[in-house]
Amino acid sequence: AFGLGISSRMQNRLSDVPGLKEKLLESTVDLPSLGVPMISRDDLSEQMKYFLEERQPSCQMQYGTSCESVDFEKKQVTTNDGSIMDYDLLVAADGVNSKIRQQLVTN
């Protein structure tokens, strides 16, 4: 099922990472009635994972945990199990009730 629309705003953000927007748009379906390309959550996360791992073999994806907080100045994420991870690129794909988005808006 296709559930995520890749809006023009999202496409602008994806353009910040050279080649990512084009890679993701390969997996979309155009629904003229909605006016935006649509992609499933699974395809979105899978394509982003492949894209990043191809370009940066040391890239690590973290699954099975959730983000509790982000320190944007130190570039660190604290997870729900108390782990602290450093990051170079943080992809906030944690949904509509995103803790990362909430921190971005309040900071």
C-alpha atoms as a PDB file:
ATOM      1  CA  ALA A   1       0.000   0.000   0.000  1.00  0.00           C
ATOM      2  CA  PHE A   2       1.215   3.468  -0.806  1.00  0.00           C
ATOM      3  CA  GLY A   3       0.852   5.757   2.140  1.00  0.00           C
ATOM      4  CA  LEU A   4       3.392   8.571   2.021  1.00  0.00           C
ATOM      5  CA  GLY A   5       3.246  11.505  -0.330  1.00  0.00           C
ATOM      6  CA  ILE A   6       6.575  13.017  -1.339  1.00  0.00           C
ATOM      7  CA  SER A   7       5.560  16.673  -1.323  1.00  0.00           C
ATOM      8  CA  SER A   8       7.522  19.417  -3.030  1.00  0.00           C
ATOM      9  CA  ARG A   9       8.816  20.466   0.402  1.00  0.00           C
ATOM     10  CA  MET A  10      10.064  16.938   1.084  1.00  0.00           C
ATOM     11  CA  GLN A  11      11.592  16.785  -2.404  1.00  0.00           C
ATOM     12  CA  ASN A  12      13.490  19.997  -1.656  1.00  0.00           C
ATOM     13  CA  ARG A  13      14.898  18.440   1.521  1.00  0.00           C
ATOM     14  CA  LEU A  14      15.798  15.223  -0.316  1.00  0.00           C
ATOM     15  CA  SER A  15      17.699  17.326  -2.867  1.00  0.00           C
ATOM     16  CA  ASP A  16      20.108  18.306  -0.078  1.00  0.00           C
ATOM     17  CA  VAL A  17      21.616  14.809  -0.419  1.00  0.00           C
ATOM     18  CA  PRO A  18      22.801  14.506  -4.039  1.00  0.00           C
ATOM     19  CA  GLY A  19      21.017  11.674  -5.852  1.00  0.00           C
ATOM     20  CA  LEU A  20      18.653  10.694  -3.011  1.00  0.00           C
ATOM     21  CA  LYS A  21      15.568  12.405  -4.409  1.00  0.00           C
ATOM     22  CA  GLU A  22      16.037  10.757  -7.804  1.00  0.00           C
ATOM     23  CA  LYS A  23      16.587   7.333  -6.201  1.00  0.00           C
ATOM     24  CA  LEU A  24      13.417   7.577  -4.119  1.00  0.00           C
ATOM     25  CA  LEU A  25      11.288   8.859  -6.984  1.00  0.00           C
ATOM     26  CA  GLU A  26      12.139   5.638  -8.869  1.00  0.00           C
ATOM     27  CA  SER A  27      10.021   3.755  -6.291  1.00  0.00           C
ATOM     28  CA  THR A  28       6.986   6.020  -6.335  1.00  0.00           C
ATOM     29  CA  VAL A  29       3.598   5.822  -7.985  1.00  0.00           C
ATOM     30  CA  ASP A  30       1.989   8.945  -9.410  1.00  0.00           C
ATOM     31  CA  LEU A  31      -1.616   9.461  -8.397  1.00  0.00           C
ATOM     32  CA  PRO A  32      -2.835  12.486 -10.377  1.00  0.00           C
ATOM     33  CA  SER A  33      -5.787  13.015  -8.049  1.00  0.00           C
ATOM     34  CA  LEU A  34      -3.381  13.659  -5.150  1.00  0.00           C
ATOM     35  CA  GLY A  35      -0.836  15.645  -7.121  1.00  0.00           C
ATOM     36  CA  VAL A  36       2.209  14.129  -5.380  1.00  0.00           C
ATOM     37  CA  PRO A  37       4.253  10.961  -5.915  1.00  0.00           C
ATOM     38  CA  MET A  38       3.357   8.265  -3.376  1.00  0.00           C
ATOM     39  CA  ILE A  39       5.658   5.685  -1.768  1.00  0.00           C
ATOM     40  CA  SER A  40       5.155   2.970   0.836  1.00  0.00           C
ATOM     41  CA  ARG A  41       6.941   3.286   4.188  1.00  0.00           C
ATOM     42  CA  ASP A  42       8.778   0.019   3.530  1.00  0.00           C
ATOM     43  CA  ASP A  43      10.009   1.177   0.118  1.00  0.00           C
ATOM     44  CA  LEU A  44      11.028   4.550   1.514  1.00  0.00           C
ATOM     45  CA  SER A  45      13.126   3.105   4.340  1.00  0.00           C
ATOM     46  CA  GLU A  46      14.580   0.346   2.145  1.00  0.00           C
ATOM     47  CA  GLN A  47      15.592   2.731  -0.651  1.00  0.00           C
ATOM     48  CA  MET A  48      17.126   5.207   1.799  1.00  0.00           C
ATOM     49  CA  LYS A  49      19.049   2.365   3.476  1.00  0.00           C
ATOM     50  CA  TYR A  50      20.428   1.063   0.165  1.00  0.00           C
ATOM     51  CA  PHE A  51      21.277   4.576  -1.009  1.00  0.00           C
ATOM     52  CA  LEU A  52      23.220   5.431   2.137  1.00  0.00           C
ATOM     53  CA  GLU A  53      24.997   2.068   2.443  1.00  0.00           C
ATOM     54  CA  GLU A  54      26.127   2.211  -1.208  1.00  0.00           C
ATOM     55  CA  ARG A  55      27.739   5.598  -0.697  1.00  0.00           C
ATOM     56  CA  GLN A  56      29.013   5.131   2.817  1.00  0.00           C
ATOM     57  CA  PRO A  57      29.807   1.498   3.714  1.00  0.00           C
ATOM     58  CA  SER A  58      30.359   2.487   7.353  1.00  0.00           C
ATOM     59  CA  CYS A  59      26.756   3.744   7.518  1.00  0.00           C
ATOM     60  CA  GLN A  60      24.844   2.142  10.360  1.00  0.00           C
ATOM     61  CA  MET A  61      21.083   1.936  10.536  1.00  0.00           C
ATOM     62  CA  GLN A  62      19.481   1.446  13.942  1.00  0.00           C
ATOM     63  CA  TYR A  63      16.282  -0.597  14.162  1.00  0.00           C
ATOM     64  CA  GLY A  64      14.215  -1.835  17.092  1.00  0.00           C
ATOM     65  CA  THR A  65      14.730   1.225  19.231  1.00  0.00           C
ATOM     66  CA  SER A  66      13.299   4.694  19.384  1.00  0.00           C
ATOM     67  CA  CYS A  67      14.694   8.175  19.742  1.00  0.00           C
ATOM     68  CA  GLU A  68      14.248   9.824  23.125  1.00  0.00           C
ATOM     69  CA  SER A  69      16.194  12.993  22.386  1.00  0.00           C
ATOM     70  CA  VAL A  70      18.673  14.614  20.035  1.00  0.00           C
ATOM     71  CA  ASP A  71      21.546  16.925  20.895  1.00  0.00           C
ATOM     72  CA  PHE A  72      21.936  18.830  17.625  1.00  0.00           C
ATOM     73  CA  GLU A  73      25.074  20.669  18.757  1.00  0.00           C
ATOM     74  CA  LYS A  74      26.924  17.480  19.782  1.00  0.00           C
ATOM     75  CA  LYS A  75      25.320  15.479  16.939  1.00  0.00           C
ATOM     76  CA  GLN A  76      24.167  12.756  19.314  1.00  0.00           C
ATOM     77  CA  VAL A  77      20.963  10.746  19.665  1.00  0.00           C
ATOM     78  CA  THR A  78      19.823   9.190  22.931  1.00  0.00           C
ATOM     79  CA  THR A  79      17.636   6.110  22.448  1.00  0.00           C
ATOM     80  CA  ASN A  80      14.902   4.688  24.636  1.00  0.00           C
ATOM     81  CA  ASP A  81      17.356   2.144  26.107  1.00  0.00           C
ATOM     82  CA  GLY A  82      19.756   4.929  27.161  1.00  0.00           C
ATOM     83  CA  SER A  83      22.298   4.368  24.388  1.00  0.00           C
ATOM     84  CA  ILE A  84      23.978   7.464  23.005  1.00  0.00           C
ATOM     85  CA  MET A  85      24.963   7.429  19.345  1.00  0.00           C
ATOM     86  CA  ASP A  86      26.957   9.968  17.370  1.00  0.00           C
ATOM     87  CA  TYR A  87      25.752  10.817  13.864  1.00  0.00           C
ATOM     88  CA  ASP A  88      26.917  12.599  10.735  1.00  0.00           C
ATOM     89  CA  LEU A  89      23.520  12.508   9.008  1.00  0.00           C
ATOM     90  CA  LEU A  90      20.310  12.054  10.965  1.00  0.00           C
ATOM     91  CA  VAL A  91      17.286  10.895   8.993  1.00  0.00           C
ATOM     92  CA  ALA A  92      14.143  11.641  10.975  1.00  0.00           C
ATOM     93  CA  ALA A  93      11.734   9.017   9.695  1.00  0.00           C
ATOM     94  CA  ASP A  94       9.913   8.525  12.947  1.00  0.00           C
ATOM     95  CA  GLY A  95       6.417   9.405  11.822  1.00  0.00           C
ATOM     96  CA  VAL A  96       3.794  12.033  12.377  1.00  0.00           C
ATOM     97  CA  ASN A  97       4.455  12.286  16.144  1.00  0.00           C
ATOM     98  CA  SER A  98       8.190  12.681  15.568  1.00  0.00           C
ATOM     99  CA  LYS A  99      10.234  13.452  18.681  1.00  0.00           C
ATOM    100  CA  ILE A 100      12.981  14.748  16.417  1.00  0.00           C
ATOM    101  CA  ARG A 101      10.590  17.139  14.671  1.00  0.00           C
ATOM    102  CA  GLN A 102       9.252  18.308  18.038  1.00  0.00           C
ATOM    103  CA  GLN A 103      12.795  19.169  19.135  1.00  0.00           C
ATOM    104  CA  LEU A 104      13.526  20.961  15.863  1.00  0.00           C
ATOM    105  CA  VAL A 105      10.433  23.111  16.266  1.00  0.00           C
ATOM    106  CA  THR A 106      11.146  24.005  19.892  1.00  0.00           C
ATOM    107  CA  ASN A 107      14.882  24.675  19.424  1.00  0.00           C
END
